[in-house]
Every structure is written in C-alpha cells, then in structure tokens.
Amino acid sequence: MATLSLRIRDDLKRKVQELAASQGVSLNNFINASVAAAVAQHETLTFFGDRLRDVDLEALHNRVAATMRQTKPGDGPTAEELRQALGGD
C-alpha cells in the first residue's frame, strides 16, 4: 500500500474530519473511499461513453419511452419487455 502526503487547507481538513467522524470512519478511510468513488465514477462514465458512442440516442430514447408507456405506474418492465425493447428475441 502506498503512502501519500497530502496538502489540504485547514478549513477543508476540519470539514472532512467532521464528515468522517459523522460516518464513523477514520479520516484515512474517508479519503480512500472518496477517491475510490471518484475513480469508479470516471470509469463508469468512460465505459458508458464508449458503449454509447455509436448509438442513435434518439432511437434509444424512443424505445425506452415506448416501453415505459406500456407499463403501469409502480410496475417495472419485465425481463421479456426489456429484451424486446433492446431488440432481442
């Protein structure tokens, strides 16, 4: 595991310490979790950006909207409805 020296404003450090304490974790664990969340968010956005790069977003929106119109409020689409909306067999 790597060790990192971090320079942080005093006021920000106090706020982060308070947040960590309110969640019952150490400052180190809070910072690790925050950095991991930022990395995961970036990787997720990159993944979906790559997946959607060549997708006709208007057509995708229309397919999702058509599926949503077929469902009743409070009911999620079935697995079969999702397969059909995605053009599956």
PDB file of N, CA and C in Angstrom:
ATOM      1  N   MET A   1       0.857  -1.172   0.000  1.00  0.00           N
ATOM      2  CA  MET A   1       0.000   0.000   0.000  1.00  0.00           C
ATOM      3  C   MET A   1       0.900   1.231   0.000  1.00  0.00           C
ATOM      4  N   ALA A   2       0.534   2.219  -0.804  1.00  0.00           N
ATOM      5  CA  ALA A   2       1.326   3.435  -0.925  1.00  0.00           C
ATOM      6  C   ALA A   2       0.982   4.420   0.188  1.00  0.00           C
ATOM      7  N   THR A   3       1.956   5.240   0.531  1.00  0.00           N
ATOM      8  CA  THR A   3       1.756   6.325   1.480  1.00  0.00           C
ATOM      9  C   THR A   3       1.797   7.618   0.699  1.00  0.00           C
ATOM     10  N   LEU A   4       0.887   8.518   1.010  1.00  0.00           N
ATOM     11  CA  LEU A   4       0.768   9.768   0.269  1.00  0.00           C
ATOM     12  C   LEU A   4       0.736  10.929   1.248  1.00  0.00           C
ATOM     13  N   SER A   5       1.537  11.933   0.969  1.00  0.00           N
ATOM     14  CA  SER A   5       1.483  13.163   1.764  1.00  0.00           C
ATOM     15  C   SER A   5       0.542  14.111   1.030  1.00  0.00           C
ATOM     16  N   LEU A   6      -0.441  14.620   1.747  1.00  0.00           N
ATOM     17  CA  LEU A   6      -1.470  15.444   1.123  1.00  0.00           C
ATOM     18  C   LEU A   6      -1.498  16.817   1.756  1.00  0.00           C
ATOM     19  N   ARG A   7      -1.425  17.835   0.937  1.00  0.00           N
ATOM     20  CA  ARG A   7      -1.571  19.202   1.429  1.00  0.00           C
ATOM     21  C   ARG A   7      -3.029  19.595   1.238  1.00  0.00           C
ATOM     22  N   ILE A   8      -3.645  20.077   2.318  1.00  0.00           N
ATOM     23  CA  ILE A   8      -5.057  20.421   2.280  1.00  0.00           C
ATOM     24  C   ILE A   8      -5.274  21.637   3.180  1.00  0.00           C
ATOM     25  N   ARG A   9      -6.137  22.525   2.749  1.00  0.00           N
ATOM     26  CA  ARG A   9      -6.436  23.711   3.567  1.00  0.00           C
ATOM     27  C   ARG A   9      -6.940  23.270   4.939  1.00  0.00           C
ATOM     28  N   ASP A  10      -6.602  24.046   5.958  1.00  0.00           N
ATOM     29  CA  ASP A  10      -7.012  23.712   7.323  1.00  0.00           C
ATOM     30  C   ASP A  10      -8.532  23.621   7.457  1.00  0.00           C
ATOM     31  N   ASP A  11      -9.244  24.577   6.871  1.00  0.00           N
ATOM     32  CA  ASP A  11     -10.707  24.569   6.992  1.00  0.00           C
ATOM     33  C   ASP A  11     -11.318  23.356   6.306  1.00  0.00           C
ATOM     34  N   LEU A  12     -10.761  22.967   5.166  1.00  0.00           N
ATOM     35  CA  LEU A  12     -11.269  21.792   4.453  1.00  0.00           C
ATOM     36  C   LEU A  12     -10.975  20.523   5.236  1.00  0.00           C
ATOM     37  N   LYS A  13      -9.788  20.456   5.841  1.00  0.00           N
ATOM     38  CA  LYS A  13      -9.440  19.287   6.646  1.00  0.00           C
ATOM     39  C   LYS A  13     -10.416  19.130   7.806  1.00  0.00           C
ATOM     40  N   ARG A  14     -10.754  20.221   8.467  1.00  0.00           N
ATOM     41  CA  ARG A  14     -11.705  20.145   9.580  1.00  0.00           C
ATOM     42  C   ARG A  14     -13.057  19.616   9.102  1.00  0.00           C
ATOM     43  N   LYS A  15     -13.515  20.105   7.960  1.00  0.00           N
ATOM     44  CA  LYS A  15     -14.803  19.662   7.429  1.00  0.00           C
ATOM     45  C   LYS A  15     -14.773  18.180   7.068  1.00  0.00           C
ATOM     46  N   VAL A  16     -13.671  17.737   6.470  1.00  0.00           N
ATOM     47  CA  VAL A  16     -13.552  16.328   6.092  1.00  0.00           C
ATOM     48  C   VAL A  16     -13.476  15.456   7.344  1.00  0.00           C
ATOM     49  N   GLN A  17     -12.763  15.918   8.360  1.00  0.00           N
ATOM     50  CA  GLN A  17     -12.698  15.167   9.612  1.00  0.00           C
ATOM     51  C   GLN A  17     -14.090  15.038  10.235  1.00  0.00           C
ATOM     52  N   GLU A  18     -14.866  16.118  10.189  1.00  0.00           N
ATOM     53  CA  GLU A  18     -16.228  16.073  10.725  1.00  0.00           C
ATOM     54  C   GLU A  18     -17.095  15.082   9.953  1.00  0.00           C
ATOM     55  N   LEU A  19     -16.974  15.107   8.623  1.00  0.00           N
ATOM     56  CA  LEU A  19     -17.733  14.157   7.804  1.00  0.00           C
ATOM     57  C   LEU A  19     -17.339  12.719   8.129  1.00  0.00           C
ATOM     58  N   ALA A  20     -16.049  12.478   8.218  1.00  0.00           N
ATOM     59  CA  ALA A  20     -15.571  11.132   8.522  1.00  0.00           C
ATOM     60  C   ALA A  20     -16.096  10.682   9.882  1.00  0.00           C
ATOM     61  N   ALA A  21     -16.006  11.563  10.868  1.00  0.00           N
ATOM     62  CA  ALA A  21     -16.487  11.227  12.210  1.00  0.00           C
ATOM     63  C   ALA A  21     -17.988  10.948  12.203  1.00  0.00           C
ATOM     64  N   SER A  22     -18.734  11.744  11.431  1.00  0.00           N
ATOM     65  CA  SER A  22     -20.192  11.530  11.392  1.00  0.00           C
ATOM     66  C   SER A  22     -20.552  10.193  10.751  1.00  0.00           C
ATOM     67  N   GLN A  23     -19.650   9.659   9.941  1.00  0.00           N
ATOM     68  CA  GLN A  23     -19.875   8.356   9.311  1.00  0.00           C
ATOM     69  C   GLN A  23     -19.205   7.226  10.078  1.00  0.00           C
ATOM     70  N   GLY A  24     -18.520   7.589  11.147  1.00  0.00           N
ATOM     71  CA  GLY A  24     -17.894   6.575  11.986  1.00  0.00           C
ATOM     72  C   GLY A  24     -16.668   5.926  11.381  1.00  0.00           C
ATOM     73  N   VAL A  25     -15.953   6.671  10.529  1.00  0.00           N
ATOM     74  CA  VAL A  25     -14.747   6.127   9.910  1.00  0.00           C
ATOM     75  C   VAL A  25     -13.581   7.077  10.155  1.00  0.00           C
ATOM     76  N   SER A  26     -12.380   6.570   9.944  1.00  0.00           N
ATOM     77  CA  SER A  26     -11.197   7.411  10.102  1.00  0.00           C
ATOM     78  C   SER A  26     -11.075   8.360   8.916  1.00  0.00           C
ATOM     79  N   LEU A  27     -10.301   9.408   9.110  1.00  0.00           N
ATOM     80  CA  LEU A  27     -10.034  10.353   8.024  1.00  0.00           C
ATOM     81  C   LEU A  27      -9.408   9.619   6.845  1.00  0.00           C
ATOM     82  N   ASN A  28      -8.471   8.726   7.121  1.00  0.00           N
ATOM     83  CA  ASN A  28      -7.817   7.952   6.066  1.00  0.00           C
ATOM     84  C   ASN A  28      -8.827   7.128   5.274  1.00  0.00           C
ATOM     85  N   ASN A  29      -9.719   6.418   5.987  1.00  0.00           N
ATOM     86  CA  ASN A  29     -10.724   5.601   5.297  1.00  0.00           C
ATOM     87  C   ASN A  29     -11.685   6.464   4.494  1.00  0.00           C
ATOM     88  N   PHE A  30     -12.068   7.611   5.033  1.00  0.00           N
ATOM     89  CA  PHE A  30     -12.969   8.506   4.321  1.00  0.00           C
ATOM     90  C   PHE A  30     -12.326   8.996   3.026  1.00  0.00           C
ATOM     91  N   ILE A  31     -11.064   9.407   3.102  1.00  0.00           N
ATOM     92  CA  ILE A  31     -10.363   9.894   1.904  1.00  0.00           C
ATOM     93  C   ILE A  31     -10.215   8.765   0.894  1.00  0.00           C
ATOM     94  N   ASN A  32      -9.851   7.563   1.359  1.00  0.00           N
ATOM     95  CA  ASN A  32      -9.733   6.418   0.448  1.00  0.00           C
ATOM     96  C   ASN A  32     -11.050   6.134  -0.258  1.00  0.00           C
ATOM     97  N   ALA A  33     -12.145   6.141   0.498  1.00  0.00           N
ATOM     98  CA  ALA A  33     -13.459   5.866  -0.092  1.00  0.00           C
ATOM     99  C   ALA A  33     -13.855   6.958  -1.076  1.00  0.00           C
ATOM    100  N   SER A  34     -13.546   8.206  -0.752  1.00  0.00           N
ATOM    101  CA  SER A  34     -13.880   9.321  -1.642  1.00  0.00           C
ATOM    102  C   SER A  34     -13.099   9.243  -2.950  1.00  0.00           C
ATOM    103  N   VAL A  35     -11.830   8.922  -2.852  1.00  0.00           N
ATOM    104  CA  VAL A  35     -11.006   8.784  -4.064  1.00  0.00           C
ATOM    105  C   VAL A  35     -11.486   7.585  -4.880  1.00  0.00           C
ATOM    106  N   ALA A  36     -11.790   6.475  -4.206  1.00  0.00           N
ATOM    107  CA  ALA A  36     -12.291   5.291  -4.920  1.00  0.00           C
ATOM    108  C   ALA A  36     -13.602   5.597  -5.628  1.00  0.00           C
ATOM    109  N   ALA A  37     -14.486   6.367  -4.983  1.00  0.00           N
ATOM    110  CA  ALA A  37     -15.759   6.732  -5.615  1.00  0.00           C
ATOM    111  C   ALA A  37     -15.532   7.603  -6.837  1.00  0.00           C
ATOM    112  N   ALA A  38     -14.593   8.535  -6.754  1.00  0.00           N
ATOM    113  CA  ALA A  38     -14.295   9.405  -7.899  1.00  0.00           C
ATOM    114  C   ALA A  38     -13.742   8.590  -9.066  1.00  0.00           C
ATOM    115  N   VAL A  39     -12.865   7.641  -8.769  1.00  0.00           N
ATOM    116  CA  VAL A  39     -12.296   6.783  -9.823  1.00  0.00           C
ATOM    117  C   VAL A  39     -13.393   5.909 -10.433  1.00  0.00           C
ATOM    118  N   ALA A  40     -14.240   5.325  -9.592  1.00  0.00           N
ATOM    119  CA  ALA A  40     -15.329   4.482 -10.101  1.00  0.00           C
ATOM    120  C   ALA A  40     -16.280   5.286 -10.974  1.00  0.00           C
ATOM    121  N   GLN A  41     -16.592   6.515 -10.563  1.00  0.00           N
ATOM    122  CA  GLN A  41     -17.468   7.361 -11.368  1.00  0.00           C
ATOM    123  C   GLN A  41     -16.839   7.645 -12.727  1.00  0.00           C
ATOM    124  N   HIS A  42     -15.559   7.972 -12.737  1.00  0.00           N
ATOM    125  CA  HIS A  42     -14.867   8.240 -14.001  1.00  0.00           C
ATOM    126  C   HIS A  42     -14.871   6.998 -14.897  1.00  0.00           C
ATOM    127  N   GLU A  43     -14.560   5.847 -14.318  1.00  0.00           N
ATOM    128  CA  GLU A  43     -14.535   4.610 -15.110  1.00  0.00           C
ATOM    129  C   GLU A  43     -15.916   4.262 -15.641  1.00  0.00           C
ATOM    130  N   THR A  44     -16.958   4.485 -14.838  1.00  0.00           N
ATOM    131  CA  THR A  44     -18.327   4.207 -15.281  1.00  0.00           C
ATOM    132  C   THR A  44     -18.727   5.126 -16.429  1.00  0.00           C
ATOM    133  N   LEU A  45     -18.443   6.412 -16.287  1.00  0.00           N
ATOM    134  CA  LEU A  45     -18.766   7.361 -17.359  1.00  0.00           C
ATOM    135  C   LEU A  45     -17.996   7.043 -18.633  1.00  0.00           C
ATOM    136  N   THR A  46     -16.748   6.648 -18.486  1.00  0.00           N
ATOM    137  CA  THR A  46     -15.947   6.262 -19.656  1.00  0.00           C
ATOM    138  C   THR A  46     -16.538   5.022 -20.319  1.00  0.00           C
ATOM    139  N   PHE A  47     -16.901   4.023 -19.512  1.00  0.00           N
ATOM    140  CA  PHE A  47     -17.485   2.792 -20.039  1.00  0.00           C
ATOM    141  C   PHE A  47     -18.754   3.085 -20.835  1.00  0.00           C
ATOM    142  N   PHE A  48     -19.681   3.836 -20.217  1.00  0.00           N
ATOM    143  CA  PHE A  48     -20.936   4.117 -20.910  1.00  0.00           C
ATOM    144  C   PHE A  48     -20.730   5.067 -22.078  1.00  0.00           C
ATOM    145  N   GLY A  49     -19.788   5.975 -21.963  1.00  0.00           N
ATOM    146  CA  GLY A  49     -19.470   6.843 -23.092  1.00  0.00           C
ATOM    147  C   GLY A  49     -19.003   6.032 -24.287  1.00  0.00           C
ATOM    148  N   ASP A  50     -18.137   5.039 -24.024  1.00  0.00           N
ATOM    149  CA  ASP A  50     -17.654   4.163 -25.094  1.00  0.00           C
ATOM    150  C   ASP A  50     -18.797   3.329 -25.669  1.00  0.00           C
ATOM    151  N   ARG A  51     -19.663   2.801 -24.783  1.00  0.00           N
ATOM    152  CA  ARG A  51     -20.778   1.959 -25.240  1.00  0.00           C
ATOM    153  C   ARG A  51     -21.789   2.746 -26.069  1.00  0.00           C
ATOM    154  N   LEU A  52     -21.975   4.033 -25.729  1.00  0.00           N
ATOM    155  CA  LEU A  52     -22.999   4.843 -26.389  1.00  0.00           C
ATOM    156  C   LEU A  52     -22.457   5.696 -27.534  1.00  0.00           C
ATOM    157  N   ARG A  53     -21.171   5.601 -27.777  1.00  0.00           N
ATOM    158  CA  ARG A  53     -20.542   6.464 -28.783  1.00  0.00           C
ATOM    159  C   ARG A  53     -21.233   6.367 -30.144  1.00  0.00           C
ATOM    160  N   ASP A  54     -21.537   5.170 -30.586  1.00  0.00           N
ATOM    161  CA  ASP A  54     -22.112   4.979 -31.920  1.00  0.00           C
ATOM    162  C   ASP A  54     -23.603   4.655 -31.878  1.00  0.00           C
ATOM    163  N   VAL A  55     -24.254   4.912 -30.749  1.00  0.00           N
ATOM    164  CA  VAL A  55     -25.673   4.602 -30.585  1.00  0.00           C
ATOM    165  C   VAL A  55     -26.510   5.806 -31.012  1.00  0.00           C
ATOM    166  N   ASP A  56     -27.589   5.526 -31.704  1.00  0.00           N
ATOM    167  CA  ASP A  56     -28.547   6.573 -32.050  1.00  0.00           C
ATOM    168  C   ASP A  56     -29.352   6.866 -30.786  1.00  0.00           C
ATOM    169  N   LEU A  57     -28.980   7.930 -30.083  1.00  0.00           N
ATOM    170  CA  LEU A  57     -29.591   8.223 -28.787  1.00  0.00           C
ATOM    171  C   LEU A  57     -31.075   8.550 -28.906  1.00  0.00           C
ATOM    172  N   GLU A  58     -31.478   9.154 -29.997  1.00  0.00           N
ATOM    173  CA  GLU A  58     -32.904   9.444 -30.169  1.00  0.00           C
ATOM    174  C   GLU A  58     -33.697   8.152 -30.312  1.00  0.00           C
ATOM    175  N   ALA A  59     -33.164   7.204 -31.068  1.00  0.00           N
ATOM    176  CA  ALA A  59     -33.842   5.910 -31.222  1.00  0.00           C
ATOM    177  C   ALA A  59     -33.881   5.164 -29.888  1.00  0.00           C
ATOM    178  N   LEU A  60     -32.792   5.217 -29.131  1.00  0.00           N
ATOM    179  CA  LEU A  60     -32.767   4.576 -27.820  1.00  0.00           C
ATOM    180  C   LEU A  60     -33.803   5.218 -26.903  1.00  0.00           C
ATOM    181  N   HIS A  61     -33.856   6.526 -26.896  1.00  0.00           N
ATOM    182  CA  HIS A  61     -34.849   7.236 -26.080  1.00  0.00           C
ATOM    183  C   HIS A  61     -36.260   6.812 -26.467  1.00  0.00           C
ATOM    184  N   ASN A  62     -36.530   6.749 -27.760  1.00  0.00           N
ATOM    185  CA  ASN A  62     -37.864   6.360 -28.227  1.00  0.00           C
ATOM    186  C   ASN A  62     -38.218   4.941 -27.796  1.00  0.00           C
ATOM    187  N   ARG A  63     -37.254   4.013 -27.856  1.00  0.00           N
ATOM    188  CA  ARG A  63     -37.517   2.632 -27.432  1.00  0.00           C
ATOM    189  C   ARG A  63     -37.808   2.566 -25.941  1.00  0.00           C
ATOM    190  N   VAL A  64     -37.036   3.310 -25.154  1.00  0.00           N
ATOM    191  CA  VAL A  64     -37.263   3.314 -23.705  1.00  0.00           C
ATOM    192  C   VAL A  64     -38.616   3.938 -23.393  1.00  0.00           C
ATOM    193  N   ALA A  65     -38.930   5.060 -24.045  1.00  0.00           N
ATOM    194  CA  ALA A  65     -40.217   5.730 -23.809  1.00  0.00           C
ATOM    195  C   ALA A  65     -41.381   4.820 -24.191  1.00  0.00           C
ATOM    196  N   ALA A  66     -41.261   4.095 -25.304  1.00  0.00           N
ATOM    197  CA  ALA A  66     -42.326   3.183 -25.730  1.00  0.00           C
ATOM    198  C   ALA A  66     -42.521   2.076 -24.699  1.00  0.00           C
ATOM    199  N   THR A  67     -41.448   1.559 -24.172  1.00  0.00           N
ATOM    200  CA  THR A  67     -41.545   0.524 -23.141  1.00  0.00           C
ATOM    201  C   THR A  67     -42.176   1.086 -21.879  1.00  0.00           C
ATOM    202  N   MET A  68     -41.787   2.294 -21.497  1.00  0.00           N
ATOM    203  CA  MET A  68     -42.339   2.918 -20.291  1.00  0.00           C
ATOM    204  C   MET A  68     -43.841   3.157 -20.437  1.00  0.00           C
ATOM    205  N   ARG A  69     -44.298   3.504 -21.629  1.00  0.00           N
ATOM    206  CA  ARG A  69     -45.734   3.733 -21.839  1.00  0.00           C
ATOM    207  C   ARG A  69     -46.535   2.447 -21.679  1.00  0.00           C
ATOM    208  N   GLN A  70     -45.918   1.301 -21.878  1.00  0.00           N
ATOM    209  CA  GLN A  70     -46.606   0.019 -21.774  1.00  0.00           C
ATOM    210  C   GLN A  70     -46.718  -0.476 -20.335  1.00  0.00           C
ATOM    211  N   THR A  71     -46.016   0.160 -19.422  1.00  0.00           N
ATOM    212  CA  THR A  71     -46.052  -0.296 -18.034  1.00  0.00           C
ATOM    213  C   THR A  71     -47.012   0.551 -17.224  1.00  0.00           C
ATOM    214  N   LYS A  72     -47.513  -0.034 -16.156  1.00  0.00           N
ATOM    215  CA  LYS A  72     -48.406   0.673 -15.258  1.00  0.00           C
ATOM    216  C   LYS A  72     -47.557   1.375 -14.191  1.00  0.00           C
ATOM    217  N   PRO A  73     -48.046   2.488 -13.676  1.00  0.00           N
ATOM    218  CA  PRO A  73     -47.294   3.165 -12.609  1.00  0.00           C
ATOM    219  C   PRO A  73     -46.977   2.209 -11.471  1.00  0.00           C
ATOM    220  N   GLY A  74     -45.745   2.232 -11.041  1.00  0.00           N
ATOM    221  CA  GLY A  74     -45.322   1.384  -9.941  1.00  0.00           C
ATOM    222  C   GLY A  74     -44.805   0.022 -10.364  1.00  0.00           C
ATOM    223  N   ASP A  75     -45.088  -0.372 -11.593  1.00  0.00           N
ATOM    224  CA  ASP A  75     -44.612  -1.665 -12.080  1.00  0.00           C
ATOM    225  C   ASP A  75     -43.401  -1.454 -12.971  1.00  0.00           C
ATOM    226  N   GLY A  76     -42.341  -2.168 -12.702  1.00  0.00           N
ATOM    227  CA  GLY A  76     -41.179  -2.110 -13.575  1.00  0.00           C
ATOM    228  C   GLY A  76     -41.385  -3.021 -14.761  1.00  0.00           C
ATOM    229  N   PRO A  77     -40.666  -2.788 -15.853  1.00  0.00           N
ATOM    230  CA  PRO A  77     -40.789  -3.676 -17.012  1.00  0.00           C
ATOM    231  C   PRO A  77     -40.263  -5.071 -16.668  1.00  0.00           C
ATOM    232  N   THR A  78     -40.871  -6.063 -17.292  1.00  0.00           N
ATOM    233  CA  THR A  78     -40.411  -7.442 -17.091  1.00  0.00           C
ATOM    234  C   THR A  78     -39.125  -7.646 -17.878  1.00  0.00           C
ATOM    235  N   ALA A  79     -38.458  -8.742 -17.577  1.00  0.00           N
ATOM    236  CA  ALA A  79     -37.234  -9.071 -18.305  1.00  0.00           C
ATOM    237  C   ALA A  79     -37.533  -9.225 -19.797  1.00  0.00           C
ATOM    238  N   GLU A  80     -38.681  -9.815 -20.123  1.00  0.00           N
ATOM    239  CA  GLU A  80     -39.064 -10.000 -21.534  1.00  0.00           C
ATOM    240  C   GLU A  80     -39.288  -8.650 -22.211  1.00  0.00           C
ATOM    241  N   GLU A  81     -39.951  -7.724 -21.524  1.00  0.00           N
ATOM    242  CA  GLU A  81     -40.173  -6.396 -22.096  1.00  0.00           C
ATOM    243  C   GLU A  81     -38.851  -5.667 -22.340  1.00  0.00           C
ATOM    244  N   LEU A  82     -37.910  -5.843 -21.419  1.00  0.00           N
ATOM    245  CA  LEU A  82     -36.598  -5.240 -21.615  1.00  0.00           C
ATOM    246  C   LEU A  82     -35.879  -5.854 -22.810  1.00  0.00           C
ATOM    247  N   ARG A  83     -35.975  -7.185 -22.947  1.00  0.00           N
ATOM    248  CA  ARG A  83     -35.350  -7.858 -24.102  1.00  0.00           C
ATOM    249  C   ARG A  83     -35.958  -7.328 -25.406  1.00  0.00           C
ATOM    250  N   GLN A  84     -37.280  -7.203 -25.432  1.00  0.00           N
ATOM    251  CA  GLN A  84     -37.960  -6.705 -26.639  1.00  0.00           C
ATOM    252  C   GLN A  84     -37.554  -5.265 -26.936  1.00  0.00           C
ATOM    253  N   ALA A  85     -37.467  -4.424 -25.908  1.00  0.00           N
ATOM    254  CA  ALA A  85     -37.088  -3.034 -26.095  1.00  0.00           C
ATOM    255  C   ALA A  85     -35.667  -2.916 -26.631  1.00  0.00           C
ATOM    256  N   LEU A  86     -34.826  -3.859 -26.261  1.00  0.00           N
ATOM    257  CA  LEU A  86     -33.444  -3.841 -26.730  1.00  0.00           C
ATOM    258  C   LEU A  86     -33.276  -4.552 -28.063  1.00  0.00           C
ATOM    259  N   GLY A  87     -34.399  -5.006 -28.622  1.00  0.00           N
ATOM    260  CA  GLY A  87     -34.338  -5.635 -29.940  1.00  0.00           C
ATOM    261  C   GLY A  87     -33.939  -7.101 -29.874  1.00  0.00           C
ATOM    262  N   GLY A  88     -34.030  -7.698 -28.693  1.00  0.00           N
ATOM    263  CA  GLY A  88     -33.684  -9.117 -28.537  1.00  0.00           C
ATOM    264  C   GLY A  88     -34.804 -10.009 -28.994  1.00  0.00           C
ATOM    265  N   ASP A  89     -34.521 -11.293 -29.029  1.00  0.00           N
ATOM    266  CA  ASP A  89     -35.516 -12.285 -29.461  1.00  0.00           C
ATOM    267  C   ASP A  89     -36.506 -12.600 -28.376  1.00  0.00           C
TER     268      ASP A  89
END
